[in-house]
Protein backbone atom coordinates (compact mmCIF):
# COMPACT_ATOMS: atom_id res chain seq x y z
CA MET A 1 0.00 0.00 0.00
CA SER A 2 1.31 3.44 -0.88
CA ARG A 3 1.39 6.37 1.53
CA ARG A 4 -0.77 8.70 -0.49
CA SER A 5 -3.54 6.14 -0.77
CA LEU A 6 -4.14 6.35 2.99
CA LEU A 7 -5.70 9.79 2.67
CA ARG A 8 -9.33 10.51 3.43
CA GLY A 9 -11.49 13.58 3.17
CA ILE A 10 -12.93 15.29 6.20
CA GLY A 11 -15.47 13.09 7.90
CA GLY A 12 -16.62 11.88 11.29
CA ALA A 13 -17.48 13.60 14.52
CA GLY A 14 -13.85 14.12 15.55
CA ALA A 15 -12.99 16.09 12.43
CA ALA A 16 -16.25 18.02 12.56
CA SER A 17 -15.57 19.16 16.11
CA LEU A 18 -12.30 20.71 14.95
CA LEU A 19 -13.69 22.25 11.80
CA ALA A 20 -14.29 25.66 13.35
CA ALA A 21 -10.65 25.88 14.42
CA GLY A 22 -9.54 24.75 10.96
CA CYS A 23 -11.64 27.45 9.36
CA GLY A 24 -9.80 30.14 11.23
CA VAL A 25 -11.53 31.12 14.47
CA PRO A 26 -9.68 34.32 15.43
CA ALA A 27 -8.73 32.99 18.88
CA ALA A 28 -6.83 30.14 17.22
CA TYR A 29 -4.69 32.42 15.04
CA VAL A 30 -1.09 32.97 16.12
CA ASP A 31 0.64 36.23 15.20
CA GLU A 32 3.98 36.08 13.40
CA GLY A 33 5.85 37.39 16.42
CA ASP A 34 4.58 34.61 18.66
CA ARG A 35 5.57 31.62 16.52
CA ALA A 36 9.27 31.17 17.22
CA GLY A 37 10.46 29.17 20.19
CA ARG A 38 13.86 28.97 21.82
CA ASP A 39 16.03 27.17 19.26
CA LEU A 40 18.24 24.61 21.00
CA SER A 41 19.78 23.30 17.77
CA ALA A 42 23.34 24.43 18.48
CA ARG A 43 23.66 22.47 21.72
CA ASP A 44 21.09 19.72 21.15
CA ARG A 45 21.95 17.96 17.90
CA THR A 46 18.58 16.27 17.43
CA LEU A 47 15.22 16.85 15.82
CA ASP A 48 11.79 15.20 15.85
CA PHE A 49 10.39 14.39 12.40
CA ALA A 50 6.78 13.17 12.01
CA ASN A 51 5.90 11.60 8.67
CA TRP A 52 3.52 9.14 7.01
CA PRO A 53 4.12 5.38 6.81
CA LEU A 54 5.99 4.06 3.76
CA TYR A 55 7.28 7.49 2.86
CA ILE A 56 11.04 7.22 3.27
CA ASP A 57 13.73 4.84 2.07
CA THR A 58 14.47 1.80 4.23
CA ASP A 59 17.30 -0.71 4.16
CA ASP A 60 16.57 -3.91 2.19
CA GLU A 61 18.02 -6.06 4.95
CA ASP A 62 16.70 -4.18 7.96
CA ALA A 63 13.51 -2.10 7.63
CA ARG A 64 14.36 -0.25 10.84
CA LYS A 65 17.29 1.42 9.10
CA ARG A 66 16.76 4.46 6.90
CA PRO A 67 19.83 5.06 4.73
CA THR A 68 19.30 8.72 3.89
CA LEU A 69 18.61 9.66 7.52
CA ASP A 70 21.62 7.63 8.67
CA ALA A 71 23.82 9.46 6.16
CA PHE A 72 22.48 12.82 7.38
CA ARG A 73 23.40 11.95 10.96
CA LYS A 74 26.92 10.85 9.99
CA ARG A 75 27.51 14.05 8.01
CA THR A 76 26.03 16.59 10.44
CA GLY A 77 26.03 14.90 13.83
CA ILE A 78 22.27 15.57 14.06
CA SER A 79 20.20 12.57 15.14
CA VAL A 80 16.63 12.34 13.85
CA ARG A 81 13.85 10.87 15.95
CA TYR A 82 11.68 9.70 13.07
CA THR A 83 8.08 8.63 13.71
CA GLU A 84 5.51 7.33 11.24
CA GLU A 85 2.59 8.78 13.15
CA ILE A 86 0.60 10.56 10.43
CA ASN A 87 -2.09 8.28 9.02
CA ASP A 88 -4.71 10.87 8.15
CA ASN A 89 -4.52 14.65 7.76
CA ASP A 90 -7.52 15.38 9.96
CA GLU A 91 -6.51 12.89 12.61
CA PHE A 92 -3.08 14.49 12.87
CA PHE A 93 -4.64 17.95 12.90
CA GLY A 94 -6.75 16.84 15.85
CA LYS A 95 -3.69 15.50 17.62
CA ILE A 96 -1.57 18.66 17.51
CA SER A 97 -4.13 21.46 17.18
CA PRO A 98 -4.83 21.81 20.93
CA SER A 99 -1.17 22.66 21.52
CA LEU A 100 -0.89 25.02 18.58
CA MET A 101 -4.06 26.97 19.29
CA ASN A 102 -3.01 27.33 22.92
CA HIS A 103 0.48 28.60 22.00
CA GLN A 104 2.23 25.43 23.21
CA GLU A 105 4.96 23.43 21.51
CA THR A 106 3.96 20.17 19.84
CA GLY A 107 7.06 18.06 20.50
CA ARG A 108 7.70 17.94 16.75
CA ASP A 109 10.22 19.97 14.76
CA LEU A 110 9.17 18.85 11.30
CA VAL A 111 5.90 17.46 9.97
CA VAL A 112 4.57 16.42 6.55
CA VAL A 113 0.96 17.18 5.59
CA SER A 114 -0.96 17.42 2.33
CA ASP A 115 -1.02 20.88 0.82
CA TRP A 116 -4.74 21.39 1.46
CA MET A 117 -4.02 20.80 5.15
CA ALA A 118 -0.84 22.85 4.96
CA ALA A 119 -3.05 25.70 3.76
CA ARG A 120 -5.02 25.45 6.98
CA PHE A 121 -1.85 25.60 9.09
CA VAL A 122 -0.61 28.65 7.18
CA ARG A 123 -3.96 30.44 7.53
CA LEU A 124 -3.93 29.85 11.26
CA GLY A 125 -0.33 31.00 11.68
CA TRP A 126 0.70 27.65 13.15
CA VAL A 127 3.94 27.15 11.23
CA GLN A 128 7.13 29.16 11.03
CA GLU A 129 8.76 30.79 8.05
CA MET A 130 11.89 28.90 7.02
CA ASP A 131 15.26 30.57 6.60
CA ARG A 132 15.91 30.13 2.87
CA ALA A 133 19.41 31.59 3.26
CA ALA A 134 20.19 28.37 5.16
CA GLN A 135 18.64 26.24 2.40
CA PRO A 136 20.60 26.82 -0.81
CA HIS A 137 19.62 23.45 -2.31
CA VAL A 138 15.92 24.19 -1.89
CA ALA A 139 16.41 27.57 -3.54
CA GLU A 140 18.30 26.01 -6.47
CA HIS A 141 16.52 22.72 -7.06
CA LEU A 142 12.82 23.01 -6.13
CA ASN A 143 10.61 22.26 -9.14
CA PRO A 144 9.49 25.65 -10.55
CA GLN A 145 5.94 24.32 -10.91
CA LEU A 146 5.78 23.88 -7.11
CA ARG A 147 7.47 27.08 -6.03
CA SER A 148 4.55 29.33 -5.23
CA PRO A 149 1.22 27.69 -4.34
CA ALA A 150 -1.70 29.98 -3.65
CA PHE A 151 -1.80 29.03 0.02
CA ASP A 152 1.90 29.85 0.58
CA PRO A 153 3.23 32.35 -1.98
CA GLY A 154 6.94 31.85 -2.42
CA ARG A 155 6.88 28.69 -0.32
CA LEU A 156 7.95 30.64 2.76
CA HIS A 157 6.41 28.19 5.24
CA SER A 158 6.52 24.90 3.35
CA VAL A 159 8.75 22.75 1.16
CA PRO A 160 7.40 19.77 -0.82
CA TRP A 161 8.52 16.41 0.54
CA GLN A 162 7.12 14.51 -2.43
CA SER A 163 4.69 15.36 -5.18
CA GLY A 164 2.25 13.36 -7.26
CA ILE A 165 -0.51 13.35 -9.81
CA THR A 166 -4.18 12.51 -9.43
CA GLY A 167 -5.29 11.08 -12.76
CA ILE A 168 -7.00 8.01 -14.19
CA ALA A 169 -5.88 4.39 -13.89
CA TYR A 170 -7.44 1.67 -16.00
CA ASN A 171 -6.98 -1.94 -17.11
CA ARG A 172 -6.32 -1.65 -20.81
CA ARG A 173 -6.58 -5.35 -21.59
CA LYS A 174 -9.90 -5.85 -19.81
CA LEU A 175 -11.38 -2.61 -21.09
CA GLY A 176 -10.22 -3.34 -24.61
CA ARG A 177 -9.44 0.24 -25.54
CA GLU A 178 -7.52 3.29 -24.45
CA LEU A 179 -8.73 6.05 -22.14
CA ARG A 180 -7.42 9.52 -22.80
CA SER A 181 -10.06 11.81 -21.28
CA THR A 182 -11.84 12.17 -17.96
CA LYS A 183 -15.09 12.45 -19.90
CA GLU A 184 -14.53 8.90 -21.18
CA LEU A 185 -15.10 7.61 -17.66
CA TRP A 186 -18.81 8.24 -18.24
CA ALA A 187 -19.04 6.01 -21.35
CA ASP A 188 -21.85 3.42 -21.28
CA ASP A 189 -19.49 0.43 -21.27
CA LEU A 190 -18.02 1.61 -17.97
CA ARG A 191 -21.33 1.79 -16.11
CA GLY A 192 -20.85 0.26 -12.68
CA ARG A 193 -17.13 -0.28 -13.27
CA VAL A 194 -15.80 3.15 -12.24
CA THR A 195 -14.74 4.40 -8.81
CA LEU A 196 -13.94 7.90 -7.62
CA LEU A 197 -11.96 9.00 -4.58
CA SER A 198 -14.11 9.74 -1.56
CA GLY A 199 -12.10 12.65 -0.17
CA LEU A 200 -13.24 16.06 -1.41
CA ASP A 201 -9.74 17.52 -1.54
CA GLU A 202 -8.41 14.47 -3.37
CA SER A 203 -11.13 14.20 -6.00
CA PHE A 204 -12.63 17.53 -7.07
CA ALA A 205 -9.79 19.02 -9.14
CA LEU A 206 -9.49 16.18 -11.67
CA LEU A 207 -13.26 16.12 -12.17
CA MET A 208 -13.43 19.88 -12.64
CA LEU A 209 -10.61 19.73 -15.16
CA GLY A 210 -12.63 17.15 -17.05
CA ASN A 211 -15.40 19.73 -17.29
CA GLY A 212 -13.03 22.32 -18.74
CA VAL A 213 -12.72 24.38 -15.55
CA ASP A 214 -9.59 26.37 -14.79
CA VAL A 215 -8.91 24.85 -11.37
CA THR A 216 -6.49 27.60 -10.41
CA ARG A 217 -9.53 29.89 -10.14
CA TRP A 218 -12.59 27.68 -9.84
CA THR A 219 -15.77 29.13 -8.35
CA GLY A 220 -18.58 27.98 -6.10
CA ASP A 221 -20.76 27.60 -9.19
CA ASP A 222 -18.17 25.22 -10.66
CA PHE A 223 -18.27 23.17 -7.48
CA HIS A 224 -22.05 22.88 -7.36
CA ALA A 225 -22.20 22.00 -11.06
CA LEU A 226 -19.74 19.20 -10.38
CA CYS A 227 -21.82 17.95 -7.46
CA GLU A 228 -24.92 17.85 -9.64
CA GLN A 229 -23.01 15.88 -12.25
CA VAL A 230 -21.72 13.34 -9.72
CA GLU A 231 -25.14 13.05 -8.07
CA GLY A 232 -26.61 12.16 -11.47
CA LEU A 233 -23.94 9.52 -12.06
CA VAL A 234 -24.61 8.01 -8.64
CA LYS A 235 -28.35 7.82 -9.31
CA LYS A 236 -27.69 6.04 -12.61
CA ARG A 237 -25.35 3.66 -10.78
CA HIS A 238 -22.58 4.55 -13.15
CA ILE A 239 -20.17 5.05 -10.26
CA ARG A 240 -19.59 1.74 -8.51
CA ARG A 241 -18.51 3.38 -5.26
CA PHE A 242 -16.26 5.99 -3.68
CA THR A 243 -13.00 4.72 -2.25
CA GLY A 244 -9.90 5.38 -0.27
CA ASN A 245 -6.89 3.15 -0.82
CA ASP A 246 -9.11 0.14 -1.65
CA TYR A 247 -9.36 1.19 -5.30
CA ILE A 248 -6.01 -0.56 -5.67
CA LYS A 249 -7.56 -3.94 -4.90
CA ASP A 250 -10.61 -3.28 -7.09
CA LEU A 251 -8.44 -2.38 -10.06
CA SER A 252 -6.11 -5.32 -9.53
CA THR A 253 -8.94 -7.87 -9.38
CA GLY A 254 -10.78 -6.41 -12.35
CA ASP A 255 -13.90 -5.51 -10.36
CA VAL A 256 -13.22 -1.98 -11.53
CA LEU A 257 -12.00 -1.11 -15.03
CA ALA A 258 -11.18 2.56 -14.49
CA CYS A 259 -10.82 4.88 -11.52
CA GLN A 260 -9.38 8.01 -10.07
CA ALA A 261 -5.88 7.10 -8.91
CA TYR A 262 -2.56 8.41 -7.67
CA SER A 263 0.49 8.13 -9.87
CA GLY A 264 2.66 6.52 -7.17
CA ASP A 265 0.13 3.74 -6.62
CA VAL A 266 0.07 2.85 -10.29
CA ILE A 267 3.84 2.52 -10.54
CA GLN A 268 3.61 -0.10 -7.81
CA LEU A 269 0.64 -1.84 -9.45
CA GLN A 270 2.37 -2.01 -12.82
CA ALA A 271 5.16 -4.09 -11.32
CA ASP A 272 2.65 -6.92 -10.85
CA ASN A 273 0.21 -6.12 -13.64
CA PRO A 274 1.56 -4.41 -16.78
CA ASP A 275 -2.01 -4.09 -18.12
CA ILE A 276 -2.66 -1.28 -15.62
CA GLU A 277 -2.05 2.13 -17.15
CA PHE A 278 -2.07 5.64 -15.72
CA VAL A 279 -3.37 8.56 -17.75
CA VAL A 280 -2.92 12.28 -17.42
CA PRO A 281 -6.13 13.19 -19.28
CA GLU A 282 -6.19 15.48 -22.26
CA GLU A 283 -8.11 18.06 -20.21
CA GLY A 284 -5.46 17.94 -17.49
CA ALA A 285 -4.77 16.36 -14.11
CA GLU A 286 -4.01 17.63 -10.63
CA LEU A 287 -0.43 18.08 -9.47
CA TRP A 288 -0.25 17.97 -5.69
CA ALA A 289 2.41 17.90 -3.03
CA GLU A 290 2.82 16.97 0.57
CA SER A 291 4.97 19.42 2.38
CA LEU A 292 7.48 19.70 5.16
CA MET A 293 6.60 22.35 7.73
CA ILE A 294 8.09 23.53 11.02
CA PRO A 295 5.41 23.95 13.73
CA ASN A 296 5.37 26.92 16.06
CA LEU A 297 7.70 26.85 19.06
CA ALA A 298 9.76 23.98 17.63
CA HIS A 299 12.94 23.59 19.70
CA HIS A 300 15.19 22.50 16.81
CA LYS A 301 14.25 24.81 13.94
CA SER A 302 17.76 25.19 12.55
CA ASN A 303 18.34 21.42 12.62
CA ALA A 304 15.04 20.91 10.82
CA GLU A 305 15.98 23.44 8.14
CA LYS A 306 19.24 21.59 7.57
CA LEU A 307 17.38 18.31 7.08
CA VAL A 308 14.95 19.89 4.61
CA ASP A 309 17.83 21.29 2.58
CA TYR A 310 19.66 17.96 2.69
CA TYR A 311 16.78 16.23 0.92
CA TYR A 312 17.03 18.78 -1.88
CA GLU A 313 20.54 17.70 -2.80
CA PRO A 314 19.99 15.90 -6.13
CA GLU A 315 21.83 12.75 -5.02
CA VAL A 316 19.74 12.44 -1.86
CA ALA A 317 16.52 13.29 -3.69
CA ALA A 318 17.34 10.58 -6.25
CA GLU A 319 17.83 7.98 -3.53
CA LEU A 320 14.50 8.87 -1.96
CA ALA A 321 12.69 8.94 -5.32
CA ALA A 322 13.99 5.47 -6.16
CA TRP A 323 12.24 4.15 -3.08
CA VAL A 324 8.95 6.05 -2.87
CA ASN A 325 8.21 6.33 -6.64
CA TYR A 326 6.22 9.57 -6.47
CA VAL A 327 6.85 12.69 -8.53
CA CYS A 328 10.23 13.94 -7.40
CA PRO A 329 10.18 17.67 -6.51
CA VAL A 330 13.87 17.88 -7.44
CA PRO A 331 14.16 17.67 -11.25
CA ALA A 332 17.96 17.51 -11.05
CA ALA A 333 17.64 14.07 -9.43
CA GLN A 334 16.61 12.69 -12.81
CA GLN A 335 20.13 13.01 -14.22
CA VAL A 336 21.59 11.35 -11.13
CA LEU A 337 19.43 8.28 -11.75
CA ALA A 338 20.09 8.37 -15.49
CA ASP A 339 23.85 8.33 -14.89
CA SER A 340 23.71 5.59 -12.24
CA GLY A 341 24.46 2.70 -14.60
CA ASP A 342 21.75 0.69 -12.88
CA GLU A 343 19.12 -0.58 -15.32
CA GLU A 344 16.18 -0.13 -12.94
CA LEU A 345 17.26 3.35 -11.86
CA VAL A 346 17.79 4.44 -15.44
CA ALA A 347 14.26 3.23 -16.27
CA LEU A 348 12.94 5.21 -13.31
CA ALA A 349 14.65 8.34 -14.62
CA GLU A 350 12.72 7.88 -17.85
CA ASP A 351 9.36 7.34 -16.13
CA PRO A 352 7.14 10.42 -16.65
CA LEU A 353 5.21 9.54 -13.48
CA VAL A 354 8.34 10.29 -11.48
CA PHE A 355 9.86 12.96 -13.73
CA PRO A 356 7.06 14.37 -15.92
CA ASP A 357 8.16 15.37 -19.41
CA ALA A 358 7.33 18.73 -20.95
CA ASP A 359 4.11 17.49 -22.55
CA MET A 360 2.83 16.04 -19.30
CA ARG A 361 3.84 19.10 -17.28
CA GLY A 362 1.77 21.20 -19.64
CA ARG A 363 -1.32 19.23 -18.64
CA LEU A 364 -0.76 19.44 -14.89
CA ALA A 365 -2.44 22.07 -12.73
CA ILE A 366 -2.34 22.96 -9.05
CA ALA A 367 -5.87 23.67 -7.88
CA ARG A 368 -6.66 26.61 -5.68
CA ASP A 369 -7.43 25.56 -2.16
CA ILE A 370 -10.93 25.39 -0.69
CA THR A 371 -11.15 28.51 1.44
CA ALA A 372 -12.03 28.56 5.11
CA GLN A 373 -15.38 30.16 4.28
CA GLU A 374 -16.24 27.48 1.71
CA ARG A 375 -15.07 24.36 3.46
CA GLN A 376 -17.90 23.54 5.85
CA ASP A 377 -20.72 23.83 3.30
CA PHE A 378 -18.75 22.22 0.48
CA THR A 379 -17.64 19.32 2.66
CA LYS A 380 -21.18 18.74 3.89
CA ARG A 381 -22.54 18.54 0.35
CA TRP A 382 -19.73 16.33 -0.96
CA ASN A 383 -19.88 13.92 1.96
CA ALA A 384 -23.64 13.53 1.50
CA ILE A 385 -23.02 12.43 -2.08
CA VAL A 386 -20.26 9.94 -1.30
CA GLY A 387 -21.82 8.62 1.90
CA LEU A 388 -19.29 9.83 4.46
């Protein structure tokens, strides 16, 4: 199972109870001047790094060892307490939000969350601006397409850990034809054999792109038109169901012929089933990222900034990309893999799902975030459609 496929949209009583804070209740906002804590980095050569499962390289002989982190420690003397504690964006938000809204440290120096959740943290003033002067590799090597998302202009508070594409996966042999457009998902011969992602933030952009919407500036009218379309497809039983990570099993068994999917998942599926293909539709697909952020009052900010910059060295980024198989946010890593002399790594360097070519990049878009004012009503309507 891939890391990205663990994501879910907002749902459940726990998430709902925190929604007001996520939408920016003034009392929860932290002013810029109150975000920095006492930085102990110089005397305490450690940092606490919270990440998702299956989202960093591990040693083939001993899964407890993480080669890139071990190399960082040997080079810098900084030890990393690495925890795989993030299984869901909202769950993690619920875990650390009481500390952040009460101006308390979280016990974590570096966290990774999806950009739609990162937007919430930035709006609330819960993360610190990074010192880019101390991060020359980030400044030089960050993918230009990811440099300035709407929620964090200039990437002052966030740096992509990995990126990816939400597009269409399908079984070409069982379907008997190619799919090249999101609109083709609604063809009669796919009735009851299509799944969509259940999470609002994970699903809406690709579907809007299929309707010809500019997702960098979509409107409330665009959203409600999409909901009406999906409601109609549900009533006609065209959509088999809405899924989280279980679309992987459905596609593998042939119960589903086509679905919304994440690029990293499909690379893994193709290793066992070469009939599975991933498509960036003609109308476009969503480019997303999950980003490193430094929470307020972190005690090892400088150490954390060093680790972030380390992963933007092309050689380190290449090593990580070879393990996680998502879109690498460091384009220069492609040449490192291409020059490796290893057949599998060279093939990875040529894979457009890890290093998109110019044609594919031209069809990728980063959707504007759902605003704090929109989220509650939009989530309520979407969840009613998908049954959350």
